[in-house]
Amino acid sequence: MRAWYLGVAAFIFAVSGAVGAGETCPDGATPLLILGTFHMEGSDQDAVKSKPDDMTTPRRQREIEDLVKKLAAFRPTKVAIESSRIGTYWNDLYTTWRRERGAVGTNEIEQVGFRLADAVGLAALTPVDYPMWMDGTAAIDRHEPAPQPAPAATPAPSPLLADLEAQVAADLERLSRSTVGEYLAYLNSPGRAVLNHRWDVLSNLAPGAGTSMYETTDYATNWYKRNLRIYTNLVDVAGPGERIVLLIGAGHSHLLGQLAADDPRFCLVSVAEALGGG
């Protein structure tokens, strides 16, 4: 389902001269706002599948407009997105959308990223991802089509997976009664962000049950590898005069935020500050 285009006038904001998030950063440090997001069109590639309510309704479109206005006040010079650094897919789509002023797709890169980049006059988005799976493989490593394994006994669900499933259900219920901005503020709160770290990293730090002592530990190793490469891509596009908004899945925000908080090259700006939550 495609969302209607709400009109360019709704996204032209008087942001020059605004005093807001990131204005007190020290000279030489690049202001960085990491906005951990949910997958607005749903996801079937995460450990627990999720399908949020429809983000194309008039109510949700008004909320996304309000979110983009607040993010535009940050005055980003780059809108970094969760897409391969060497890929052109999203920028090709963005260029067409800016020219034709047609529909905005349901993905968060379009709903938020396109609108934000356009609002502040950017000709392109900045892809910074290094796509790979937790087992260390990338798309180029996979069989196509995927081989069908022999049926195997279904293992007992782990307590952590049950905890994750319950949390995802609770999050979707919270989203249903929150605005998009309120939900993102919650999703980026320290307590909620650390839960993703628990599932992606800590849950894997246990002895493997197969041939390798560290088979599950290496899933966490590969999660760090992907995020460290994303961070290197951020360093590559940072520099004097830059102000970066990173739009990325919320599971990445805890680790990337830890790195940026310790790095004098960046001035980490909290989502709460940017969205007006203090």
Protein backbone atom coordinates (compact mmCIF):
# COMPACT_ATOMS: atom_id res chain seq x y z
CA MET A 1 0.00 0.00 0.00
CA ARG A 2 1.34 3.41 -0.94
CA ALA A 3 0.81 6.60 1.01
CA TRP A 4 -0.42 9.70 -0.75
CA TYR A 5 1.93 12.63 -1.11
CA LEU A 6 0.83 15.36 1.28
CA GLY A 7 2.23 18.28 -0.70
CA VAL A 8 5.62 19.88 -0.77
CA ALA A 9 4.46 22.90 1.19
CA ALA A 10 3.93 20.75 4.25
CA PHE A 11 7.63 19.90 4.30
CA ILE A 12 9.24 23.30 3.75
CA PHE A 13 10.16 24.49 7.21
CA ALA A 14 11.76 27.68 8.47
CA VAL A 15 14.63 25.96 10.22
CA SER A 16 17.44 28.43 9.57
CA GLY A 17 18.50 30.15 12.75
CA ALA A 18 16.63 27.69 14.97
CA VAL A 19 18.09 27.03 18.37
CA GLY A 20 17.66 23.39 19.27
CA ALA A 21 19.27 20.03 19.71
CA GLY A 22 23.00 19.94 19.05
CA GLU A 23 23.52 23.69 19.21
CA THR A 24 25.87 23.45 22.21
CA CYS A 25 28.20 20.84 20.71
CA PRO A 26 31.91 21.69 20.97
CA ASP A 27 33.74 23.03 17.94
CA GLY A 28 35.13 20.29 15.74
CA ALA A 29 32.67 17.61 16.90
CA THR A 30 30.01 16.49 14.43
CA PRO A 31 26.51 16.59 15.98
CA LEU A 32 25.02 13.10 15.57
CA LEU A 33 21.40 12.20 16.22
CA ILE A 34 20.80 8.43 16.13
CA LEU A 35 17.10 7.81 15.65
CA GLY A 36 16.40 4.13 16.24
CA THR A 37 13.28 3.25 14.30
CA PHE A 38 10.79 0.44 13.91
CA HIS A 39 10.05 -1.09 10.52
CA MET A 40 6.97 0.83 9.43
CA GLU A 41 6.00 -1.69 6.77
CA GLY A 42 6.61 -4.64 9.10
CA SER A 43 9.48 -7.11 9.18
CA ASP A 44 9.81 -10.84 8.55
CA GLN A 45 13.63 -10.98 8.83
CA ASP A 46 13.99 -10.27 12.55
CA ALA A 47 13.94 -12.95 15.24
CA VAL A 48 10.31 -12.12 15.91
CA LYS A 49 8.11 -11.01 13.01
CA SER A 50 6.17 -7.79 13.53
CA LYS A 51 3.47 -5.88 11.72
CA PRO A 52 2.67 -2.41 13.07
CA ASP A 53 -0.59 -0.67 12.33
CA ASP A 54 -0.99 1.19 9.04
CA MET A 55 1.31 4.24 8.85
CA THR A 56 -0.53 5.64 5.80
CA THR A 57 -3.71 6.65 7.60
CA PRO A 58 -4.43 10.41 7.94
CA ARG A 59 -3.68 10.24 11.66
CA ARG A 60 -0.28 8.58 11.21
CA GLN A 61 0.63 10.88 8.31
CA ARG A 62 0.01 13.94 10.51
CA GLU A 63 2.19 12.40 13.22
CA ILE A 64 5.01 11.72 10.76
CA GLU A 65 4.75 15.31 9.50
CA ASP A 66 5.17 16.52 13.08
CA LEU A 67 8.14 14.19 13.61
CA VAL A 68 9.85 15.45 10.45
CA LYS A 69 9.38 19.07 11.52
CA LYS A 70 11.14 18.37 14.81
CA LEU A 71 13.97 16.52 13.08
CA ALA A 72 14.33 19.30 10.50
CA ALA A 73 14.92 21.78 13.33
CA PHE A 74 18.16 19.87 13.99
CA ARG A 75 19.30 21.20 10.59
CA PRO A 76 20.96 18.01 9.33
CA THR A 77 23.42 18.27 6.48
CA LYS A 78 23.22 14.52 5.98
CA VAL A 79 20.41 12.02 6.51
CA ALA A 80 22.16 8.66 6.93
CA ILE A 81 20.10 5.54 6.27
CA GLU A 82 20.26 1.78 6.84
CA SER A 83 21.25 0.88 3.31
CA SER A 84 24.47 -0.42 1.78
CA ARG A 85 27.16 2.25 1.49
CA ILE A 86 27.73 1.30 -2.13
CA GLY A 87 24.07 0.88 -3.05
CA THR A 88 22.01 3.35 -5.12
CA TYR A 89 18.49 1.93 -4.72
CA TRP A 90 17.13 4.43 -2.22
CA ASN A 91 18.79 7.45 -3.78
CA ASP A 92 17.47 6.49 -7.20
CA LEU A 93 14.00 6.27 -5.67
CA TYR A 94 14.49 9.55 -3.79
CA THR A 95 15.57 11.37 -6.95
CA THR A 96 12.49 10.12 -8.80
CA TRP A 97 10.21 11.06 -5.91
CA ARG A 98 11.61 14.61 -5.72
CA ARG A 99 11.14 15.04 -9.46
CA GLU A 100 7.68 13.55 -9.76
CA ARG A 101 6.27 14.40 -6.32
CA GLY A 102 4.33 11.18 -6.28
CA ALA A 103 3.47 8.71 -3.53
CA VAL A 104 5.70 7.99 -0.55
CA GLY A 105 6.23 4.31 0.19
CA THR A 106 5.55 2.68 3.54
CA ASN A 107 9.21 2.02 4.47
CA GLU A 108 10.58 4.31 7.17
CA ILE A 109 13.37 5.43 4.83
CA GLU A 110 10.68 6.94 2.60
CA GLN A 111 8.19 8.02 5.23
CA VAL A 112 10.79 9.80 7.37
CA GLY A 113 14.11 9.83 5.49
CA PHE A 114 12.83 11.14 2.15
CA ARG A 115 10.70 13.80 3.77
CA LEU A 116 13.41 14.94 6.15
CA ALA A 117 16.10 15.14 3.45
CA ASP A 118 13.72 17.05 1.18
CA ALA A 119 12.66 19.40 3.98
CA VAL A 120 16.24 20.58 4.50
CA GLY A 121 17.07 20.65 0.79
CA LEU A 122 19.36 17.64 0.45
CA ALA A 123 19.89 16.27 -3.05
CA ALA A 124 20.66 12.76 -1.75
CA LEU A 125 20.55 10.54 1.31
CA THR A 126 23.70 8.99 2.80
CA PRO A 127 23.69 5.16 2.96
CA VAL A 128 25.98 3.87 5.74
CA ASP A 129 25.00 0.24 6.30
CA TYR A 130 27.11 -2.89 5.89
CA PRO A 131 24.37 -5.48 5.35
CA MET A 132 25.08 -8.92 6.79
CA TRP A 133 23.36 -11.55 8.88
CA MET A 134 24.25 -12.61 12.39
CA ASP A 135 25.96 -15.73 11.06
CA GLY A 136 28.46 -13.52 9.25
CA THR A 137 27.12 -14.01 5.73
CA ALA A 138 25.96 -11.31 3.32
CA ALA A 139 23.42 -11.60 0.51
CA ILE A 140 26.14 -12.49 -2.00
CA ASP A 141 27.06 -15.54 0.13
CA ARG A 142 23.58 -17.07 0.06
CA HIS A 143 22.16 -19.71 -2.26
CA GLU A 144 19.48 -18.37 -4.58
CA PRO A 145 17.00 -19.92 -4.38
CA ALA A 146 17.61 -21.07 -0.84
CA PRO A 147 18.05 -24.86 -0.42
CA GLN A 148 15.33 -26.63 1.51
CA PRO A 149 16.81 -28.38 4.57
CA ALA A 150 15.54 -31.69 5.79
CA PRO A 151 12.85 -31.43 8.48
CA ALA A 152 14.27 -31.32 11.97
CA ALA A 153 12.83 -31.57 15.43
CA THR A 154 11.58 -28.23 16.69
CA PRO A 155 13.79 -27.10 19.58
CA ALA A 156 12.22 -25.87 22.77
CA PRO A 157 11.86 -22.06 22.72
CA SER A 158 14.39 -20.26 24.87
CA PRO A 159 13.19 -18.07 27.76
CA LEU A 160 14.89 -15.07 26.13
CA LEU A 161 13.01 -15.63 22.88
CA ALA A 162 9.73 -15.84 24.78
CA ASP A 163 10.69 -12.59 26.51
CA LEU A 164 11.42 -11.00 23.13
CA GLU A 165 8.09 -12.14 21.68
CA ALA A 166 6.25 -10.70 24.67
CA GLN A 167 8.13 -7.40 24.39
CA VAL A 168 7.40 -7.07 20.66
CA ALA A 169 3.70 -7.66 21.35
CA ALA A 170 3.76 -5.06 24.13
CA ASP A 171 5.57 -2.60 21.87
CA LEU A 172 3.00 -2.98 19.10
CA GLU A 173 0.23 -2.40 21.62
CA ARG A 174 2.02 0.73 22.85
CA LEU A 175 2.41 1.99 19.28
CA SER A 176 -1.32 1.59 18.71
CA ARG A 177 -2.03 4.12 21.48
CA SER A 178 0.93 6.44 20.90
CA THR A 179 1.88 8.97 18.28
CA VAL A 180 4.80 8.05 16.05
CA GLY A 181 6.97 10.62 17.83
CA GLU A 182 6.01 9.36 21.28
CA TYR A 183 6.72 5.78 20.27
CA LEU A 184 10.14 6.64 18.85
CA ALA A 185 10.99 8.55 22.03
CA TYR A 186 10.12 5.40 24.01
CA LEU A 187 11.98 3.11 21.59
CA ASN A 188 15.14 5.23 22.02
CA SER A 189 14.94 5.52 25.79
CA PRO A 190 17.97 3.97 27.55
CA GLY A 191 15.97 1.22 29.25
CA ARG A 192 14.28 0.05 26.06
CA ALA A 193 17.43 0.34 23.93
CA VAL A 194 19.40 -1.95 26.23
CA LEU A 195 16.83 -4.73 25.72
CA ASN A 196 17.87 -5.00 22.07
CA HIS A 197 21.48 -5.30 23.20
CA ARG A 198 20.45 -8.09 25.57
CA TRP A 199 18.78 -10.06 22.78
CA ASP A 200 21.36 -9.39 20.04
CA VAL A 201 24.50 -9.77 22.14
CA LEU A 202 24.10 -11.00 25.70
CA SER A 203 21.71 -13.84 24.85
CA ASN A 204 24.34 -15.30 22.51
CA LEU A 205 27.16 -15.29 25.06
CA ALA A 206 26.74 -18.89 26.17
CA PRO A 207 28.51 -22.14 25.30
CA GLY A 208 27.36 -23.63 22.02
CA ALA A 209 25.51 -26.94 21.98
CA GLY A 210 27.04 -28.15 18.71
CA THR A 211 30.60 -28.71 17.55
CA SER A 212 31.91 -25.29 18.59
CA MET A 213 32.15 -23.83 22.07
CA TYR A 214 31.70 -20.37 20.56
CA GLU A 215 29.14 -20.96 17.82
CA THR A 216 26.54 -18.64 19.36
CA THR A 217 29.16 -16.22 20.68
CA ASP A 218 30.18 -15.69 17.07
CA TYR A 219 26.68 -14.41 16.30
CA ALA A 220 27.37 -11.60 18.75
CA THR A 221 30.84 -11.15 17.21
CA ASN A 222 29.24 -10.64 13.81
CA TRP A 223 26.70 -8.20 15.22
CA TYR A 224 29.59 -6.11 16.51
CA LYS A 225 31.36 -6.47 13.16
CA ARG A 226 28.37 -5.09 11.27
CA ASN A 227 27.86 -2.19 13.67
CA LEU A 228 31.55 -1.31 13.77
CA ARG A 229 31.55 -1.12 9.99
CA ILE A 230 28.45 1.06 10.06
CA TYR A 231 30.26 3.30 12.53
CA THR A 232 33.32 3.51 10.26
CA ASN A 233 30.99 4.60 7.46
CA LEU A 234 29.62 7.32 9.75
CA VAL A 235 33.14 8.54 10.52
CA ASP A 236 33.82 8.62 6.78
CA VAL A 237 30.92 11.02 6.09
CA ALA A 238 31.39 13.19 9.20
CA GLY A 239 33.53 16.28 9.35
CA PRO A 240 33.59 20.04 9.95
CA GLY A 241 30.22 21.65 9.42
CA GLU A 242 28.31 18.39 9.15
CA ARG A 243 25.24 17.59 11.20
CA ILE A 244 24.03 14.00 10.83
CA VAL A 245 20.72 12.29 11.50
CA LEU A 246 21.10 8.51 11.35
CA LEU A 247 17.83 6.69 10.64
CA ILE A 248 18.41 3.04 11.56
CA GLY A 249 16.70 0.05 13.15
CA ALA A 250 16.41 0.51 16.90
CA GLY A 251 18.46 -2.62 17.56
CA HIS A 252 21.57 -0.77 16.38
CA SER A 253 21.15 2.38 18.45
CA HIS A 254 22.52 1.13 21.79
CA LEU A 255 25.87 -0.04 20.42
CA LEU A 256 26.31 2.85 17.97
CA GLY A 257 25.37 5.30 20.71
CA GLN A 258 27.97 3.83 23.05
CA LEU A 259 30.64 4.28 20.40
CA ALA A 260 29.65 7.86 19.57
CA ALA A 261 29.41 8.87 23.23
CA ASP A 262 33.07 7.94 23.73
CA ASP A 263 34.29 9.46 20.46
CA PRO A 264 35.43 13.12 20.47
CA ARG A 265 34.80 13.27 16.72
CA PHE A 266 31.07 13.21 17.45
CA CYS A 267 28.69 15.08 19.70
CA LEU A 268 25.90 12.61 20.46
CA VAL A 269 22.48 14.28 20.63
CA SER A 270 19.71 12.44 22.43
CA VAL A 271 16.42 11.64 20.74
CA ALA A 272 14.61 13.03 23.79
CA GLU A 273 16.31 16.40 23.29
CA ALA A 274 15.61 16.46 19.56
CA LEU A 275 11.95 15.54 19.95
CA GLY A 276 11.37 17.94 22.81
CA GLY A 277 11.40 15.46 25.66
CA GLY A 278 14.27 17.14 27.56
